[in-house]
Amino acid sequence: MAWTFERVAGPFSFSEGPVWDGTAVLFTDIRNNRIMRYDPTSGACTPFATETNGANGLTLDRQGRLFVCEGDARRVVRYDISAGGVSQRVVLASTFEGRRLNAPNDIVVDSQGRVWFTDPCYGDRSTMELDHDSVYRLDPQADGSYTITRVTFDTTRPNGLAFSPDERTLYVAESPPAPNGARQLRAYPVQADGSLGTPRVLHDFGPHRGIDGMRVDAEGCIVASAGWTTSGPGPRIVVFAPTGEVLSEHPMPVNPTNCCFGDADRRTLYVTGYDGSLFRARTDRQG
């Protein structure tokens, strides 16, 4: 089945972090410091939160709380939601071993309530206080705080991440700027204690832009935003089997940044892009 993408919102500045909240898509308008909300029923796209400190990746937990990577503030924040919108913002992590984080980028919450996020530095690396770009795990404590643990020691620019349906595998996009470094889709086994084992490289993108953001569908396949207009096969959504086999590729009109499944049947893929737009396509897969 060919996927046909249509622009449904934007363009704004630079869009990222789409997440389905049950009735609408939330996504970040990074340079305008906003989280937007697109309602597919009415077609309206309106600000959901402002002054978001360059918010990038978003995710929701089972309680409907919104977890946000505030890249410019170099921290991970939870936005508690009430009927009137965001009721409060709670900082979960801003440092590791006494040094400021780089720029939290993408984020997921597992079924135990643990928060996993990537922390690359794509900008001015002279501002870094840490000497590494890593993936972290935040463990909730009885008093409402979170402890932070570094879980990767081999990443140079970890970007998108997603769990397999059984949460035994964490997929991480290793995405240093092209053409230098290795742009790979990696599968890390999740150990019983929450640490990560030695990864398998499922796909190597060579000198071209690799994966930015991704999701896992109901069958356990990885649906990834990848590629660009500068080199290689071009901007596209790539569907990978858990083994790394490429099952299908779907061209995008702009460089995609991230994606999520939505609508009542979870068969519509919403995609954010470099131009600040939100796109959607009906698919033959289900989130």
C-alpha atoms as a PDB file:
ATOM      1  CA  MET A   1       0.000   0.000   0.000  1.00  0.00           C
ATOM      2  CA  ALA A   2       1.372   3.399  -0.977  1.00  0.00           C
ATOM      3  CA  TRP A   3       1.115   6.046   1.740  1.00  0.00           C
ATOM      4  CA  THR A   4       0.071   9.499   0.537  1.00  0.00           C
ATOM      5  CA  PHE A   5       1.057  12.325   2.855  1.00  0.00           C
ATOM      6  CA  GLU A   6      -0.967  15.517   3.108  1.00  0.00           C
ATOM      7  CA  ARG A   7      -0.049  18.632   5.068  1.00  0.00           C
ATOM      8  CA  VAL A   8      -2.681  19.240   7.763  1.00  0.00           C
ATOM      9  CA  ALA A   9      -1.000  21.974   9.838  1.00  0.00           C
ATOM     10  CA  GLY A  10       1.753  24.540   9.445  1.00  0.00           C
ATOM     11  CA  PRO A  11       4.295  25.279   8.314  1.00  0.00           C
ATOM     12  CA  PHE A  12       5.535  26.755  11.588  1.00  0.00           C
ATOM     13  CA  SER A  13       9.230  26.925  12.568  1.00  0.00           C
ATOM     14  CA  PHE A  14      10.551  23.375  13.002  1.00  0.00           C
ATOM     15  CA  SER A  15       8.161  20.673  14.164  1.00  0.00           C
ATOM     16  CA  GLU A  16       8.925  17.604  16.270  1.00  0.00           C
ATOM     17  CA  GLY A  17       7.695  15.251  18.975  1.00  0.00           C
ATOM     18  CA  PRO A  18       4.201  14.210  17.772  1.00  0.00           C
ATOM     19  CA  VAL A  19       2.128  12.212  20.255  1.00  0.00           C
ATOM     20  CA  TRP A  20      -1.524  11.135  20.093  1.00  0.00           C
ATOM     21  CA  ASP A  21      -3.465  12.116  23.237  1.00  0.00           C
ATOM     22  CA  GLY A  22      -6.591  10.114  22.445  1.00  0.00           C
ATOM     23  CA  THR A  23      -8.399  12.789  20.457  1.00  0.00           C
ATOM     24  CA  ALA A  24      -5.686  14.987  18.921  1.00  0.00           C
ATOM     25  CA  VAL A  25      -1.994  15.226  18.066  1.00  0.00           C
ATOM     26  CA  LEU A  26       0.349  17.250  20.249  1.00  0.00           C
ATOM     27  CA  PHE A  27       3.613  18.312  18.618  1.00  0.00           C
ATOM     28  CA  THR A  28       6.349  20.836  19.252  1.00  0.00           C
ATOM     29  CA  ASP A  29       6.964  24.052  17.329  1.00  0.00           C
ATOM     30  CA  ILE A  30      10.522  24.226  18.610  1.00  0.00           C
ATOM     31  CA  ARG A  31      11.797  27.656  17.625  1.00  0.00           C
ATOM     32  CA  ASN A  32       8.537  29.361  18.584  1.00  0.00           C
ATOM     33  CA  ASN A  33       8.661  27.677  22.020  1.00  0.00           C
ATOM     34  CA  ARG A  34       5.221  26.140  21.693  1.00  0.00           C
ATOM     35  CA  ILE A  35       3.436  22.828  21.865  1.00  0.00           C
ATOM     36  CA  MET A  36       0.658  22.737  19.288  1.00  0.00           C
ATOM     37  CA  ARG A  37      -2.532  20.657  19.280  1.00  0.00           C
ATOM     38  CA  TYR A  38      -4.048  19.444  16.011  1.00  0.00           C
ATOM     39  CA  ASP A  39      -7.652  18.244  16.172  1.00  0.00           C
ATOM     40  CA  PRO A  40      -8.354  15.976  13.169  1.00  0.00           C
ATOM     41  CA  THR A  41     -12.119  16.294  13.661  1.00  0.00           C
ATOM     42  CA  SER A  42     -12.246  20.076  13.293  1.00  0.00           C
ATOM     43  CA  GLY A  43      -8.948  20.598  11.480  1.00  0.00           C
ATOM     44  CA  ALA A  44      -7.996  23.257  14.035  1.00  0.00           C
ATOM     45  CA  CYS A  45      -4.368  23.601  15.142  1.00  0.00           C
ATOM     46  CA  THR A  46      -3.949  25.762  18.237  1.00  0.00           C
ATOM     47  CA  PRO A  47      -1.281  26.410  20.896  1.00  0.00           C
ATOM     48  CA  PHE A  48      -1.487  23.927  23.763  1.00  0.00           C
ATOM     49  CA  ALA A  49       1.452  25.285  25.795  1.00  0.00           C
ATOM     50  CA  THR A  50       3.809  28.249  25.384  1.00  0.00           C
ATOM     51  CA  GLU A  51       7.207  29.274  26.786  1.00  0.00           C
ATOM     52  CA  THR A  52       8.354  25.674  26.400  1.00  0.00           C
ATOM     53  CA  ASN A  53      12.129  26.312  26.338  1.00  0.00           C
ATOM     54  CA  GLY A  54      12.707  24.800  22.920  1.00  0.00           C
ATOM     55  CA  ALA A  55      10.686  21.686  23.711  1.00  0.00           C
ATOM     56  CA  ASN A  56      11.482  18.795  21.386  1.00  0.00           C
ATOM     57  CA  GLY A  57      10.396  15.218  22.178  1.00  0.00           C
ATOM     58  CA  LEU A  58       7.062  14.476  23.855  1.00  0.00           C
ATOM     59  CA  THR A  59       5.432  11.389  25.331  1.00  0.00           C
ATOM     60  CA  LEU A  60       2.478  10.546  27.563  1.00  0.00           C
ATOM     61  CA  ASP A  61       2.336   8.068  30.422  1.00  0.00           C
ATOM     62  CA  ARG A  62      -0.629   5.891  31.357  1.00  0.00           C
ATOM     63  CA  GLN A  63      -1.949   8.624  33.640  1.00  0.00           C
ATOM     64  CA  GLY A  64      -2.089  11.100  30.762  1.00  0.00           C
ATOM     65  CA  ARG A  65       0.805  13.194  32.033  1.00  0.00           C
ATOM     66  CA  LEU A  66       2.968  14.801  29.360  1.00  0.00           C
ATOM     67  CA  PHE A  67       6.743  14.324  29.518  1.00  0.00           C
ATOM     68  CA  VAL A  68       8.759  16.936  27.652  1.00  0.00           C
ATOM     69  CA  CYS A  69      12.399  17.287  26.568  1.00  0.00           C
ATOM     70  CA  GLU A  70      13.084  21.020  26.981  1.00  0.00           C
ATOM     71  CA  GLY A  71      16.201  21.261  24.835  1.00  0.00           C
ATOM     72  CA  ASP A  72      17.063  24.912  25.412  1.00  0.00           C
ATOM     73  CA  ALA A  73      16.650  24.595  29.189  1.00  0.00           C
ATOM     74  CA  ARG A  74      18.633  21.326  29.078  1.00  0.00           C
ATOM     75  CA  ARG A  75      16.150  19.413  31.193  1.00  0.00           C
ATOM     76  CA  VAL A  76      13.350  16.835  31.251  1.00  0.00           C
ATOM     77  CA  VAL A  77      10.025  18.129  32.553  1.00  0.00           C
ATOM     78  CA  ARG A  78       6.618  16.644  33.301  1.00  0.00           C
ATOM     79  CA  TYR A  79       3.608  18.765  32.380  1.00  0.00           C
ATOM     80  CA  ASP A  80       0.628  17.781  34.497  1.00  0.00           C
ATOM     81  CA  ILE A  81      -2.590  18.278  32.533  1.00  0.00           C
ATOM     82  CA  SER A  82      -5.928  19.481  33.871  1.00  0.00           C
ATOM     83  CA  ALA A  83      -9.201  20.331  32.112  1.00  0.00           C
ATOM     84  CA  GLY A  84      -7.905  23.842  31.478  1.00  0.00           C
ATOM     85  CA  GLY A  85      -4.542  22.748  30.035  1.00  0.00           C
ATOM     86  CA  VAL A  86      -1.176  22.498  31.775  1.00  0.00           C
ATOM     87  CA  SER A  87      -1.667  22.783  35.538  1.00  0.00           C
ATOM     88  CA  GLN A  88       1.978  22.562  36.602  1.00  0.00           C
ATOM     89  CA  ARG A  89       5.462  21.768  35.303  1.00  0.00           C
ATOM     90  CA  VAL A  90       7.757  19.542  37.335  1.00  0.00           C
ATOM     91  CA  VAL A  91      11.471  19.289  36.532  1.00  0.00           C
ATOM     92  CA  LEU A  92      12.522  15.637  36.607  1.00  0.00           C
ATOM     93  CA  ALA A  93      16.184  15.955  35.600  1.00  0.00           C
ATOM     94  CA  SER A  94      18.558  18.727  34.590  1.00  0.00           C
ATOM     95  CA  THR A  95      21.960  17.357  35.616  1.00  0.00           C
ATOM     96  CA  PHE A  96      23.949  14.135  35.701  1.00  0.00           C
ATOM     97  CA  GLU A  97      26.711  13.735  38.272  1.00  0.00           C
ATOM     98  CA  GLY A  98      26.548  17.464  38.993  1.00  0.00           C
ATOM     99  CA  ARG A  99      26.878  18.593  35.363  1.00  0.00           C
ATOM    100  CA  ARG A 100      24.166  20.038  33.150  1.00  0.00           C
ATOM    101  CA  LEU A 101      22.599  17.803  30.549  1.00  0.00           C
ATOM    102  CA  ASN A 102      23.344  18.530  26.871  1.00  0.00           C
ATOM    103  CA  ALA A 103      19.929  18.988  25.215  1.00  0.00           C
ATOM    104  CA  PRO A 104      17.343  16.256  25.944  1.00  0.00           C
ATOM    105  CA  ASN A 105      15.874  15.253  22.610  1.00  0.00           C
ATOM    106  CA  ASP A 106      13.461  12.309  22.581  1.00  0.00           C
ATOM    107  CA  ILE A 107      11.640  10.443  25.325  1.00  0.00           C
ATOM    108  CA  VAL A 108       9.561   7.361  26.194  1.00  0.00           C
ATOM    109  CA  VAL A 109       7.911   6.086  29.382  1.00  0.00           C
ATOM    110  CA  ASP A 110       7.708   2.338  30.040  1.00  0.00           C
ATOM    111  CA  SER A 111       4.962   0.392  31.797  1.00  0.00           C
ATOM    112  CA  GLN A 112       6.802   0.718  35.128  1.00  0.00           C
ATOM    113  CA  GLY A 113       6.709   4.503  34.907  1.00  0.00           C
ATOM    114  CA  ARG A 114      10.430   4.753  34.173  1.00  0.00           C
ATOM    115  CA  VAL A 115      11.363   7.616  31.853  1.00  0.00           C
ATOM    116  CA  TRP A 116      13.993   7.028  29.162  1.00  0.00           C
ATOM    117  CA  PHE A 117      15.479   9.892  27.144  1.00  0.00           C
ATOM    118  CA  THR A 118      18.282  10.729  24.737  1.00  0.00           C
ATOM    119  CA  ASP A 119      20.665  13.625  25.385  1.00  0.00           C
ATOM    120  CA  PRO A 120      22.682  14.562  22.286  1.00  0.00           C
ATOM    121  CA  CYS A 121      24.380  17.877  21.631  1.00  0.00           C
ATOM    122  CA  TYR A 122      23.843  18.951  18.012  1.00  0.00           C
ATOM    123  CA  GLY A 123      24.637  22.613  18.556  1.00  0.00           C
ATOM    124  CA  ASP A 124      27.644  24.423  20.008  1.00  0.00           C
ATOM    125  CA  ARG A 125      29.568  21.633  21.704  1.00  0.00           C
ATOM    126  CA  SER A 126      31.734  24.140  23.566  1.00  0.00           C
ATOM    127  CA  THR A 127      28.766  24.633  25.907  1.00  0.00           C
ATOM    128  CA  MET A 128      28.764  20.978  26.986  1.00  0.00           C
ATOM    129  CA  GLU A 129      29.501  20.207  30.629  1.00  0.00           C
ATOM    130  CA  LEU A 130      29.343  16.446  30.087  1.00  0.00           C
ATOM    131  CA  ASP A 131      31.908  14.652  27.930  1.00  0.00           C
ATOM    132  CA  HIS A 132      29.422  12.230  26.368  1.00  0.00           C
ATOM    133  CA  ASP A 133      26.081  12.046  24.507  1.00  0.00           C
ATOM    134  CA  SER A 134      24.052   9.302  26.154  1.00  0.00           C
ATOM    135  CA  VAL A 135      20.704   7.683  26.864  1.00  0.00           C
ATOM    136  CA  TYR A 136      19.390   7.914  30.436  1.00  0.00           C
ATOM    137  CA  ARG A 137      16.769   6.233  32.588  1.00  0.00           C
ATOM    138  CA  LEU A 138      14.800   8.092  35.262  1.00  0.00           C
ATOM    139  CA  ASP A 139      13.359   5.911  38.024  1.00  0.00           C
ATOM    140  CA  PRO A 140      10.388   7.259  40.016  1.00  0.00           C
ATOM    141  CA  GLN A 141      10.816   7.369  43.795  1.00  0.00           C
ATOM    142  CA  ALA A 142       8.242   7.201  46.591  1.00  0.00           C
ATOM    143  CA  ASP A 143       8.606  10.928  47.319  1.00  0.00           C
ATOM    144  CA  GLY A 144       7.807  11.901  43.728  1.00  0.00           C
ATOM    145  CA  SER A 145      11.414  12.544  42.708  1.00  0.00           C
ATOM    146  CA  TYR A 146      13.390  10.621  40.081  1.00  0.00           C
ATOM    147  CA  THR A 147      16.880   9.155  40.135  1.00  0.00           C
ATOM    148  CA  ILE A 148      18.943   9.338  36.956  1.00  0.00           C
ATOM    149  CA  THR A 149      21.072   6.525  35.500  1.00  0.00           C
ATOM    150  CA  ARG A 150      23.201   6.566  32.368  1.00  0.00           C
ATOM    151  CA  VAL A 151      22.404   3.481  30.261  1.00  0.00           C
ATOM    152  CA  THR A 152      24.496   3.865  27.062  1.00  0.00           C
ATOM    153  CA  PHE A 153      28.252   4.220  26.850  1.00  0.00           C
ATOM    154  CA  ASP A 154      28.712   3.761  23.098  1.00  0.00           C
ATOM    155  CA  THR A 155      26.506   6.499  21.603  1.00  0.00           C
ATOM    156  CA  THR A 156      27.770   9.711  20.007  1.00  0.00           C
ATOM    157  CA  ARG A 157      24.420  11.379  19.078  1.00  0.00           C
ATOM    158  CA  PRO A 158      21.505   9.257  20.289  1.00  0.00           C
ATOM    159  CA  ASN A 159      18.272  10.645  18.913  1.00  0.00           C
ATOM    160  CA  GLY A 160      14.953   8.805  18.542  1.00  0.00           C
ATOM    161  CA  LEU A 161      14.106   5.851  20.752  1.00  0.00           C
ATOM    162  CA  ALA A 162      11.244   3.362  21.126  1.00  0.00           C
ATOM    163  CA  PHE A 163      10.471   0.131  22.963  1.00  0.00           C
ATOM    164  CA  SER A 164       9.482  -3.196  21.485  1.00  0.00           C
ATOM    165  CA  PRO A 165       5.947  -4.210  22.570  1.00  0.00           C
ATOM    166  CA  ASP A 166       7.321  -6.512  25.306  1.00  0.00           C
ATOM    167  CA  GLU A 167       9.782  -3.803  26.457  1.00  0.00           C
ATOM    168  CA  ARG A 168      12.667  -6.252  26.260  1.00  0.00           C
ATOM    169  CA  THR A 169      14.343  -4.208  23.527  1.00  0.00           C
ATOM    170  CA  LEU A 170      15.061  -0.492  23.361  1.00  0.00           C
ATOM    171  CA  TYR A 171      15.580   0.783  19.825  1.00  0.00           C
ATOM    172  CA  VAL A 172      17.904   3.788  19.594  1.00  0.00           C
ATOM    173  CA  ALA A 173      18.728   5.913  16.564  1.00  0.00           C
ATOM    174  CA  GLU A 174      22.446   6.652  16.603  1.00  0.00           C
ATOM    175  CA  SER A 175      22.411   9.793  14.476  1.00  0.00           C
ATOM    176  CA  PRO A 176      25.570  11.909  14.327  1.00  0.00           C
ATOM    177  CA  PRO A 177      25.533  14.576  11.599  1.00  0.00           C
ATOM    178  CA  ALA A 178      26.189  13.162   8.121  1.00  0.00           C
ATOM    179  CA  PRO A 179      28.540  12.279   6.596  1.00  0.00           C
ATOM    180  CA  ASN A 180      30.834  11.651   9.600  1.00  0.00           C
ATOM    181  CA  GLY A 181      30.218   8.968  12.203  1.00  0.00           C
ATOM    182  CA  ALA A 182      27.877   5.986  12.013  1.00  0.00           C
ATOM    183  CA  ARG A 183      24.164   6.502  11.506  1.00  0.00           C
ATOM    184  CA  GLN A 184      22.561   3.300  12.710  1.00  0.00           C
ATOM    185  CA  LEU A 185      19.376   1.759  14.024  1.00  0.00           C
ATOM    186  CA  ARG A 186      20.452  -0.123  17.143  1.00  0.00           C
ATOM    187  CA  ALA A 187      18.551  -2.667  19.273  1.00  0.00           C
ATOM    188  CA  TYR A 188      19.621  -2.792  22.925  1.00  0.00           C
ATOM    189  CA  PRO A 189      18.427  -5.677  25.112  1.00  0.00           C
ATOM    190  CA  VAL A 190      16.867  -4.394  28.338  1.00  0.00           C
ATOM    191  CA  GLN A 191      18.185  -6.328  31.340  1.00  0.00           C
ATOM    192  CA  ALA A 192      16.151  -7.187  34.438  1.00  0.00           C
ATOM    193  CA  ASP A 193      17.826  -4.396  36.428  1.00  0.00           C
ATOM    194  CA  GLY A 194      17.047  -1.757  33.791  1.00  0.00           C
ATOM    195  CA  SER A 195      20.540  -1.656  32.317  1.00  0.00           C
ATOM    196  CA  LEU A 196      21.124  -2.195  28.602  1.00  0.00           C
ATOM    197  CA  GLY A 197      23.108  -5.017  27.058  1.00  0.00           C
ATOM    198  CA  THR A 198      25.272  -5.046  23.952  1.00  0.00           C
ATOM    199  CA  PRO A 199      23.285  -3.712  20.983  1.00  0.00           C
ATOM    200  CA  ARG A 200      22.677  -5.249  17.603  1.00  0.00           C
ATOM    201  CA  VAL A 201      23.002  -2.945  14.605  1.00  0.00           C
ATOM    202  CA  LEU A 202      19.813  -3.509  12.635  1.00  0.00           C
ATOM    203  CA  HIS A 203      20.557  -1.036   9.843  1.00  0.00           C
ATOM    204  CA  ASP A 204      23.424   1.232   8.807  1.00  0.00           C
ATOM    205  CA  PHE A 205      22.601   4.306   6.722  1.00  0.00           C
ATOM    206  CA  GLY A 206      26.174   4.853   5.530  1.00  0.00           C
ATOM    207  CA  PRO A 207      27.077   8.496   4.742  1.00  0.00           C
ATOM    208  CA  HIS A 208      23.433   9.618   4.531  1.00  0.00           C
ATOM    209  CA  ARG A 209      21.037  11.014   7.136  1.00  0.00           C
ATOM    210  CA  GLY A 210      19.625   8.230   9.255  1.00  0.00           C
ATOM    211  CA  ILE A 211      16.719   8.112  11.696  1.00  0.00           C
ATOM    212  CA  ASP A 212      15.471  11.089  13.649  1.00  0.00           C
ATOM    213  CA  GLY A 213      12.333   9.845  15.445  1.00  0.00           C
ATOM    214  CA  MET A 214      10.469   6.539  15.335  1.00  0.00           C
ATOM    215  CA  ARG A 215       7.587   4.462  16.688  1.00  0.00           C
ATOM    216  CA  VAL A 216       6.857   0.753  17.002  1.00  0.00           C
ATOM    217  CA  ASP A 217       3.611  -0.597  15.574  1.00  0.00           C
ATOM    218  CA  ALA A 218       1.294  -3.293  16.918  1.00  0.00           C
ATOM    219  CA  GLU A 219       3.264  -6.009  15.109  1.00  0.00           C
ATOM    220  CA  GLY A 220       6.552  -4.871  16.637  1.00  0.00           C
ATOM    221  CA  CYS A 221       7.879  -3.258  13.461  1.00  0.00           C
ATOM    222  CA  ILE A 222       9.843   0.000  13.633  1.00  0.00           C
ATOM    223  CA  VAL A 223       8.329   2.927  11.732  1.00  0.00           C
ATOM    224  CA  ALA A 224      11.084   5.505  11.334  1.00  0.00           C
ATOM    225  CA  SER A 225      11.468   9.055  10.045  1.00  0.00           C
ATOM    226  CA  ALA A 226      14.656   9.047   8.002  1.00  0.00           C
ATOM    227  CA  GLY A 227      16.607  10.512   5.107  1.00  0.00           C
ATOM    228  CA  TRP A 228      16.872  13.953   3.578  1.00  0.00           C
ATOM    229  CA  THR A 229      17.007  15.786   0.292  1.00  0.00           C
ATOM    230  CA  THR A 230      20.803  16.268   0.406  1.00  0.00           C
ATOM    231  CA  SER A 231      21.929  12.702  -0.308  1.00  0.00           C
ATOM    232  CA  GLY A 232      20.881   9.085  -0.408  1.00  0.00           C
ATOM    233  CA  PRO A 233      17.383   7.733  -1.127  1.00  0.00           C
ATOM    234  CA  GLY A 234      15.706  10.948   0.024  1.00  0.00           C
ATOM    235  CA  PRO A 235      13.305  11.858   2.833  1.00  0.00           C
ATOM    236  CA  ARG A 236      11.006   8.973   3.713  1.00  0.00           C
ATOM    237  CA  ILE A 237       9.301   6.848   6.314  1.00  0.00           C
ATOM    238  CA  VAL A 238      10.960   3.445   6.564  1.00  0.00           C
ATOM    239  CA  VAL A 239       9.291   0.369   8.068  1.00  0.00           C
ATOM    240  CA  PHE A 240      11.755  -2.121   9.542  1.00  0.00           C
ATOM    241  CA  ALA A 241      11.085  -5.628  10.801  1.00  0.00           C
ATOM    242  CA  PRO A 242      12.491  -6.303  14.302  1.00  0.00           C
ATOM    243  CA  THR A 243      15.350  -8.099  12.507  1.00  0.00           C
ATOM    244  CA  GLY A 244      16.261  -4.933  10.612  1.00  0.00           C
ATOM    245  CA  GLU A 245      14.842  -6.018   7.275  1.00  0.00           C
ATOM    246  CA  VAL A 246      13.368  -3.108   5.337  1.00  0.00           C
ATOM    247  CA  LEU A 247       9.701  -3.951   4.756  1.00  0.00           C
ATOM    248  CA  SER A 248       8.635  -0.777   2.956  1.00  0.00           C
ATOM    249  CA  GLU A 249       9.646   2.831   2.258  1.00  0.00           C
ATOM    250  CA  HIS A 250       7.319   5.788   1.770  1.00  0.00           C
ATOM    251  CA  PRO A 251       8.648   9.069   0.298  1.00  0.00           C
ATOM    252  CA  MET A 252       8.008  12.312   2.173  1.00  0.00           C
ATOM    253  CA  PRO A 253       7.779  15.801   0.620  1.00  0.00           C
ATOM    254  CA  VAL A 254      10.145  17.230   3.272  1.00  0.00           C
ATOM    255  CA  ASN A 255      12.795  15.882   5.629  1.00  0.00           C
ATOM    256  CA  PRO A 256      10.796  14.102   8.356  1.00  0.00           C
ATOM    257  CA  THR A 257      11.688  14.525  12.021  1.00  0.00           C
ATOM    258  CA  ASN A 258       9.326  12.245  13.944  1.00  0.00           C
ATOM    259  CA  CYS A 259       6.036  10.367  13.741  1.00  0.00           C
ATOM    260  CA  CYS A 260       3.185   8.834  15.699  1.00  0.00           C
ATOM    261  CA  PHE A 261       0.094   6.783  15.010  1.00  0.00           C
ATOM    262  CA  GLY A 262      -3.294   8.341  15.689  1.00  0.00           C
ATOM    263  CA  ASP A 263      -7.019   8.501  14.993  1.00  0.00           C
ATOM    264  CA  ALA A 264      -9.524   6.092  16.539  1.00  0.00           C
ATOM    265  CA  ASP A 265      -8.115   3.033  14.743  1.00  0.00           C
ATOM    266  CA  ARG A 266      -4.446   4.078  15.113  1.00  0.00           C
ATOM    267  CA  ARG A 267      -3.895   3.575  11.386  1.00  0.00           C
ATOM    268  CA  THR A 268      -3.102   7.179  10.503  1.00  0.00           C
ATOM    269  CA  LEU A 269       0.558   8.151  10.709  1.00  0.00           C
ATOM    270  CA  TYR A 270       1.238  11.764  11.672  1.00  0.00           C
ATOM    271  CA  VAL A 271       4.680  13.090  10.728  1.00  0.00           C
ATOM    272  CA  THR A 272       6.495  16.306  11.646  1.00  0.00           C
ATOM    273  CA  GLY A 273       9.088  17.888   9.373  1.00  0.00           C
ATOM    274  CA  TYR A 274      11.960  20.294   8.848  1.00  0.00           C
ATOM    275  CA  ASP A 275       9.603  22.906   7.403  1.00  0.00           C
ATOM    276  CA  GLY A 276       7.517  23.027  10.591  1.00  0.00           C
ATOM    277  CA  SER A 277       4.528  21.194   9.157  1.00  0.00           C
ATOM    278  CA  LEU A 278       2.408  18.313  10.377  1.00  0.00           C
ATOM    279  CA  PHE A 279       1.587  15.677   7.746  1.00  0.00           C
ATOM    280  CA  ARG A 280      -0.631  12.629   7.843  1.00  0.00           C
ATOM    281  CA  ALA A 281      -1.206   9.492   5.799  1.00  0.00           C
ATOM    282  CA  ARG A 282      -3.551   6.544   6.079  1.00  0.00           C
ATOM    283  CA  THR A 283      -1.486   3.363   6.344  1.00  0.00           C
ATOM    284  CA  ASP A 284      -1.747  -0.403   6.283  1.00  0.00           C
ATOM    285  CA  ARG A 285      -0.178  -0.575   9.754  1.00  0.00           C
ATOM    286  CA  GLN A 286      -1.566   0.024  13.226  1.00  0.00           C
ATOM    287  CA  GLY A 287       0.050   1.778  16.162  1.00  0.00           C
END
